[in-house]
PDB file of N, CA and C in Angstrom:
ATOM      1  N   MET A   1     -23.555  13.008 -49.968  1.00  0.00           N
ATOM      2  CA  MET A   1     -22.358  13.783 -49.730  1.00  0.00           C
ATOM      3  C   MET A   1     -22.563  15.207 -50.254  1.00  0.00           C
ATOM      4  N   GLN A   2     -22.319  16.175 -49.418  1.00  0.00           N
ATOM      5  CA  GLN A   2     -22.476  17.580 -49.784  1.00  0.00           C
ATOM      6  C   GLN A   2     -21.211  18.082 -50.468  1.00  0.00           C
ATOM      7  N   LEU A   3     -21.365  18.680 -51.627  1.00  0.00           N
ATOM      8  CA  LEU A   3     -20.224  19.248 -52.334  1.00  0.00           C
ATOM      9  C   LEU A   3     -19.948  20.658 -51.836  1.00  0.00           C
ATOM     10  N   GLU A   4     -18.685  21.048 -51.902  1.00  0.00           N
ATOM     11  CA  GLU A   4     -18.298  22.389 -51.489  1.00  0.00           C
ATOM     12  C   GLU A   4     -18.916  23.407 -52.442  1.00  0.00           C
ATOM     13  N   PRO A   5     -19.569  24.438 -51.916  1.00  0.00           N
ATOM     14  CA  PRO A   5     -20.126  25.478 -52.791  1.00  0.00           C
ATOM     15  C   PRO A   5     -19.030  26.141 -53.622  1.00  0.00           C
ATOM     16  N   TYR A   6     -19.375  26.503 -54.830  1.00  0.00           N
ATOM     17  CA  TYR A   6     -18.404  27.103 -55.751  1.00  0.00           C
ATOM     18  C   TYR A   6     -17.734  28.332 -55.148  1.00  0.00           C
ATOM     19  N   PHE A   7     -18.494  29.185 -54.459  1.00  0.00           N
ATOM     20  CA  PHE A   7     -17.925  30.437 -53.957  1.00  0.00           C
ATOM     21  C   PHE A   7     -16.831  30.210 -52.909  1.00  0.00           C
ATOM     22  N   LEU A   8     -16.772  29.020 -52.322  1.00  0.00           N
ATOM     23  CA  LEU A   8     -15.749  28.717 -51.319  1.00  0.00           C
ATOM     24  C   LEU A   8     -14.454  28.182 -51.937  1.00  0.00           C
ATOM     25  N   LYS A   9     -14.408  28.071 -53.246  1.00  0.00           N
ATOM     26  CA  LYS A   9     -13.242  27.506 -53.907  1.00  0.00           C
ATOM     27  C   LYS A   9     -12.067  28.485 -54.024  1.00  0.00           C
ATOM     28  N   ASN A  10     -12.318  29.766 -53.771  1.00  0.00           N
ATOM     29  CA  ASN A  10     -11.251  30.767 -53.880  1.00  0.00           C
ATOM     30  C   ASN A  10     -11.378  31.733 -52.698  1.00  0.00           C
ATOM     31  N   LYS A  11     -10.356  31.774 -51.856  1.00  0.00           N
ATOM     32  CA  LYS A  11     -10.403  32.621 -50.649  1.00  0.00           C
ATOM     33  C   LYS A  11     -10.481  34.116 -50.965  1.00  0.00           C
ATOM     34  N   LYS A  12     -10.221  34.500 -52.204  1.00  0.00           N
ATOM     35  CA  LYS A  12     -10.339  35.901 -52.597  1.00  0.00           C
ATOM     36  C   LYS A  12     -11.798  36.304 -52.801  1.00  0.00           C
ATOM     37  N   TRP A  13     -12.712  35.342 -52.857  1.00  0.00           N
ATOM     38  CA  TRP A  13     -14.116  35.613 -53.137  1.00  0.00           C
ATOM     39  C   TRP A  13     -14.970  35.785 -51.880  1.00  0.00           C
ATOM     40  N   TYR A  14     -14.482  35.345 -50.741  1.00  0.00           N
ATOM     41  CA  TYR A  14     -15.321  35.364 -49.536  1.00  0.00           C
ATOM     42  C   TYR A  14     -14.483  35.593 -48.281  1.00  0.00           C
ATOM     43  N   TYR A  15     -15.186  35.918 -47.204  1.00  0.00           N
ATOM     44  CA  TYR A  15     -14.585  35.960 -45.874  1.00  0.00           C
ATOM     45  C   TYR A  15     -15.664  35.543 -44.893  1.00  0.00           C
ATOM     46  N   HIS A  16     -15.272  35.200 -43.692  1.00  0.00           N
ATOM     47  CA  HIS A  16     -16.253  34.800 -42.678  1.00  0.00           C
ATOM     48  C   HIS A  16     -16.491  35.968 -41.732  1.00  0.00           C
ATOM     49  N   ASP A  17     -17.733  36.408 -41.664  1.00  0.00           N
ATOM     50  CA  ASP A  17     -18.133  37.493 -40.772  1.00  0.00           C
ATOM     51  C   ASP A  17     -18.383  36.878 -39.393  1.00  0.00           C
ATOM     52  N   GLU A  18     -17.466  37.077 -38.472  1.00  0.00           N
ATOM     53  CA  GLU A  18     -17.564  36.475 -37.142  1.00  0.00           C
ATOM     54  C   GLU A  18     -18.780  36.973 -36.365  1.00  0.00           C
ATOM     55  N   LYS A  19     -19.118  38.238 -36.541  1.00  0.00           N
ATOM     56  CA  LYS A  19     -20.248  38.815 -35.806  1.00  0.00           C
ATOM     57  C   LYS A  19     -21.575  38.188 -36.229  1.00  0.00           C
ATOM     58  N   ALA A  20     -21.776  38.060 -37.527  1.00  0.00           N
ATOM     59  CA  ALA A  20     -23.019  37.486 -38.058  1.00  0.00           C
ATOM     60  C   ALA A  20     -22.935  35.961 -38.156  1.00  0.00           C
ATOM     61  N   TRP A  21     -21.721  35.416 -38.007  1.00  0.00           N
ATOM     62  CA  TRP A  21     -21.440  33.993 -38.110  1.00  0.00           C
ATOM     63  C   TRP A  21     -21.925  33.425 -39.443  1.00  0.00           C
ATOM     64  N   LYS A  22     -21.521  34.111 -40.530  1.00  0.00           N
ATOM     65  CA  LYS A  22     -21.831  33.639 -41.873  1.00  0.00           C
ATOM     66  C   LYS A  22     -20.779  34.143 -42.843  1.00  0.00           C
ATOM     67  N   TYR A  23     -20.762  33.539 -44.010  1.00  0.00           N
ATOM     68  CA  TYR A  23     -19.845  33.980 -45.052  1.00  0.00           C
ATOM     69  C   TYR A  23     -20.394  35.235 -45.712  1.00  0.00           C
ATOM     70  N   ARG A  24     -19.487  36.058 -46.190  1.00  0.00           N
ATOM     71  CA  ARG A  24     -19.817  37.243 -46.981  1.00  0.00           C
ATOM     72  C   ARG A  24     -18.941  37.227 -48.218  1.00  0.00           C
ATOM     73  N   LEU A  25     -19.425  37.805 -49.298  1.00  0.00           N
ATOM     74  CA  LEU A  25     -18.626  37.897 -50.511  1.00  0.00           C
ATOM     75  C   LEU A  25     -17.769  39.152 -50.482  1.00  0.00           C
ATOM     76  N   THR A  26     -16.567  39.028 -51.008  1.00  0.00           N
ATOM     77  CA  THR A  26     -15.689  40.181 -51.163  1.00  0.00           C
ATOM     78  C   THR A  26     -16.116  40.933 -52.436  1.00  0.00           C
ATOM     79  N   GLU A  27     -15.544  42.087 -52.652  1.00  0.00           N
ATOM     80  CA  GLU A  27     -15.838  42.838 -53.877  1.00  0.00           C
ATOM     81  C   GLU A  27     -15.456  42.013 -55.105  1.00  0.00           C
ATOM     82  N   GLU A  28     -14.340  41.297 -55.027  1.00  0.00           N
ATOM     83  CA  GLU A  28     -13.921  40.452 -56.151  1.00  0.00           C
ATOM     84  C   GLU A  28     -14.937  39.337 -56.396  1.00  0.00           C
ATOM     85  N   GLY A  29     -15.439  38.732 -55.328  1.00  0.00           N
ATOM     86  CA  GLY A  29     -16.430  37.678 -55.463  1.00  0.00           C
ATOM     87  C   GLY A  29     -17.729  38.178 -56.059  1.00  0.00           C
ATOM     88  N   LYS A  30     -18.135  39.392 -55.692  1.00  0.00           N
ATOM     89  CA  LYS A  30     -19.388  39.976 -56.192  1.00  0.00           C
ATOM     90  C   LYS A  30     -19.344  40.262 -57.691  1.00  0.00           C
ATOM     91  N   LYS A  31     -18.156  40.347 -58.260  1.00  0.00           N
ATOM     92  CA  LYS A  31     -18.009  40.626 -59.693  1.00  0.00           C
ATOM     93  C   LYS A  31     -18.183  39.376 -60.553  1.00  0.00           C
ATOM     94  N   ASN A  32     -18.174  38.203 -59.932  1.00  0.00           N
ATOM     95  CA  ASN A  32     -18.248  36.940 -60.652  1.00  0.00           C
ATOM     96  C   ASN A  32     -19.669  36.370 -60.536  1.00  0.00           C
ATOM     97  N   LYS A  33     -20.386  36.306 -61.645  1.00  0.00           N
ATOM     98  CA  LYS A  33     -21.783  35.873 -61.646  1.00  0.00           C
ATOM     99  C   LYS A  33     -21.948  34.468 -61.060  1.00  0.00           C
ATOM    100  N   LYS A  34     -21.049  33.561 -61.406  1.00  0.00           N
ATOM    101  CA  LYS A  34     -21.141  32.188 -60.915  1.00  0.00           C
ATOM    102  C   LYS A  34     -20.941  32.130 -59.395  1.00  0.00           C
ATOM    103  N   VAL A  35     -20.066  32.972 -58.876  1.00  0.00           N
ATOM    104  CA  VAL A  35     -19.824  33.044 -57.431  1.00  0.00           C
ATOM    105  C   VAL A  35     -21.077  33.555 -56.727  1.00  0.00           C
ATOM    106  N   VAL A  36     -21.683  34.601 -57.248  1.00  0.00           N
ATOM    107  CA  VAL A  36     -22.891  35.179 -56.641  1.00  0.00           C
ATOM    108  C   VAL A  36     -24.035  34.162 -56.657  1.00  0.00           C
ATOM    109  N   GLU A  37     -24.204  33.453 -57.763  1.00  0.00           N
ATOM    110  CA  GLU A  37     -25.256  32.431 -57.848  1.00  0.00           C
ATOM    111  C   GLU A  37     -25.027  31.317 -56.823  1.00  0.00           C
ATOM    112  N   SER A  38     -23.790  30.891 -56.682  1.00  0.00           N
ATOM    113  CA  SER A  38     -23.454  29.848 -55.717  1.00  0.00           C
ATOM    114  C   SER A  38     -23.724  30.320 -54.287  1.00  0.00           C
ATOM    115  N   TYR A  39     -23.338  31.550 -53.989  1.00  0.00           N
ATOM    116  CA  TYR A  39     -23.558  32.131 -52.663  1.00  0.00           C
ATOM    117  C   TYR A  39     -25.052  32.218 -52.346  1.00  0.00           C
ATOM    118  N   ASN A  40     -25.830  32.704 -53.304  1.00  0.00           N
ATOM    119  CA  ASN A  40     -27.273  32.827 -53.093  1.00  0.00           C
ATOM    120  C   ASN A  40     -27.928  31.467 -52.894  1.00  0.00           C
ATOM    121  N   GLU A  41     -27.486  30.474 -53.636  1.00  0.00           N
ATOM    122  CA  GLU A  41     -28.037  29.122 -53.486  1.00  0.00           C
ATOM    123  C   GLU A  41     -27.665  28.548 -52.120  1.00  0.00           C
ATOM    124  N   PHE A  42     -26.453  28.806 -51.667  1.00  0.00           N
ATOM    125  CA  PHE A  42     -25.989  28.301 -50.374  1.00  0.00           C
ATOM    126  C   PHE A  42     -26.866  28.835 -49.235  1.00  0.00           C
ATOM    127  N   TYR A  43     -27.268  30.099 -49.319  1.00  0.00           N
ATOM    128  CA  TYR A  43     -28.062  30.714 -48.259  1.00  0.00           C
ATOM    129  C   TYR A  43     -29.569  30.739 -48.541  1.00  0.00           C
ATOM    130  N   ARG A  44     -29.986  30.114 -49.647  1.00  0.00           N
ATOM    131  CA  ARG A  44     -31.413  30.057 -49.972  1.00  0.00           C
ATOM    132  C   ARG A  44     -32.144  29.208 -48.940  1.00  0.00           C
ATOM    133  N   VAL A  45     -33.330  29.646 -48.535  1.00  0.00           N
ATOM    134  CA  VAL A  45     -34.164  28.874 -47.629  1.00  0.00           C
ATOM    135  C   VAL A  45     -34.961  27.878 -48.482  1.00  0.00           C
ATOM    136  N   HIS A  46     -34.810  26.609 -48.154  1.00  0.00           N
ATOM    137  CA  HIS A  46     -35.503  25.552 -48.896  1.00  0.00           C
ATOM    138  C   HIS A  46     -36.829  25.250 -48.211  1.00  0.00           C
ATOM    139  N   LYS A  47     -37.900  25.171 -49.023  1.00  0.00           N
ATOM    140  CA  LYS A  47     -39.239  24.890 -48.489  1.00  0.00           C
ATOM    141  C   LYS A  47     -39.884  23.761 -49.271  1.00  0.00           C
ATOM    142  N   ASP A  48     -40.763  23.011 -48.587  1.00  0.00           N
ATOM    143  CA  ASP A  48     -41.509  21.961 -49.268  1.00  0.00           C
ATOM    144  C   ASP A  48     -42.753  22.555 -49.923  1.00  0.00           C
ATOM    145  N   LYS A  49     -43.562  21.710 -50.547  1.00  0.00           N
ATOM    146  CA  LYS A  49     -44.731  22.202 -51.292  1.00  0.00           C
ATOM    147  C   LYS A  49     -45.754  22.899 -50.398  1.00  0.00           C
ATOM    148  N   ASP A  50     -45.703  22.624 -49.076  1.00  0.00           N
ATOM    149  CA  ASP A  50     -46.627  23.267 -48.145  1.00  0.00           C
ATOM    150  C   ASP A  50     -46.056  24.544 -47.527  1.00  0.00           C
ATOM    151  N   GLY A  51     -44.851  24.900 -47.919  1.00  0.00           N
ATOM    152  CA  GLY A  51     -44.242  26.125 -47.415  1.00  0.00           C
ATOM    153  C   GLY A  51     -43.435  25.937 -46.158  1.00  0.00           C
ATOM    154  N   ASN A  52     -43.271  24.689 -45.695  1.00  0.00           N
ATOM    155  CA  ASN A  52     -42.480  24.418 -44.504  1.00  0.00           C
ATOM    156  C   ASN A  52     -40.996  24.418 -44.847  1.00  0.00           C
ATOM    157  N   ILE A  53     -40.191  25.001 -44.001  1.00  0.00           N
ATOM    158  CA  ILE A  53     -38.747  25.032 -44.221  1.00  0.00           C
ATOM    159  C   ILE A  53     -38.199  23.632 -44.057  1.00  0.00           C
ATOM    160  N   ILE A  54     -37.360  23.224 -45.015  1.00  0.00           N
ATOM    161  CA  ILE A  54     -36.732  21.901 -44.946  1.00  0.00           C
ATOM    162  C   ILE A  54     -35.223  22.048 -45.017  1.00  0.00           C
ATOM    163  N   ASP A  55     -34.527  21.048 -44.540  1.00  0.00           N
ATOM    164  CA  ASP A  55     -33.071  21.027 -44.619  1.00  0.00           C
ATOM    165  C   ASP A  55     -32.709  20.308 -45.910  1.00  0.00           C
ATOM    166  N   PRO A  56     -32.017  20.990 -46.837  1.00  0.00           N
ATOM    167  CA  PRO A  56     -31.730  20.381 -48.138  1.00  0.00           C
ATOM    168  C   PRO A  56     -30.832  19.168 -48.042  1.00  0.00           C
TER     169      PRO A  56
END
């Protein structure tokens, strides 16, 4: 079961960019270290030991 990323817990921290079809952080969200870490982890590309992209 996938847990909701921390940055999505407060609508003041993010918005959905329809053009890029991804979430973006608001200025308020960018000020919160935990929100930024959660956002970066959410969009991090996961790779296996051979460098192949995997789905987490």
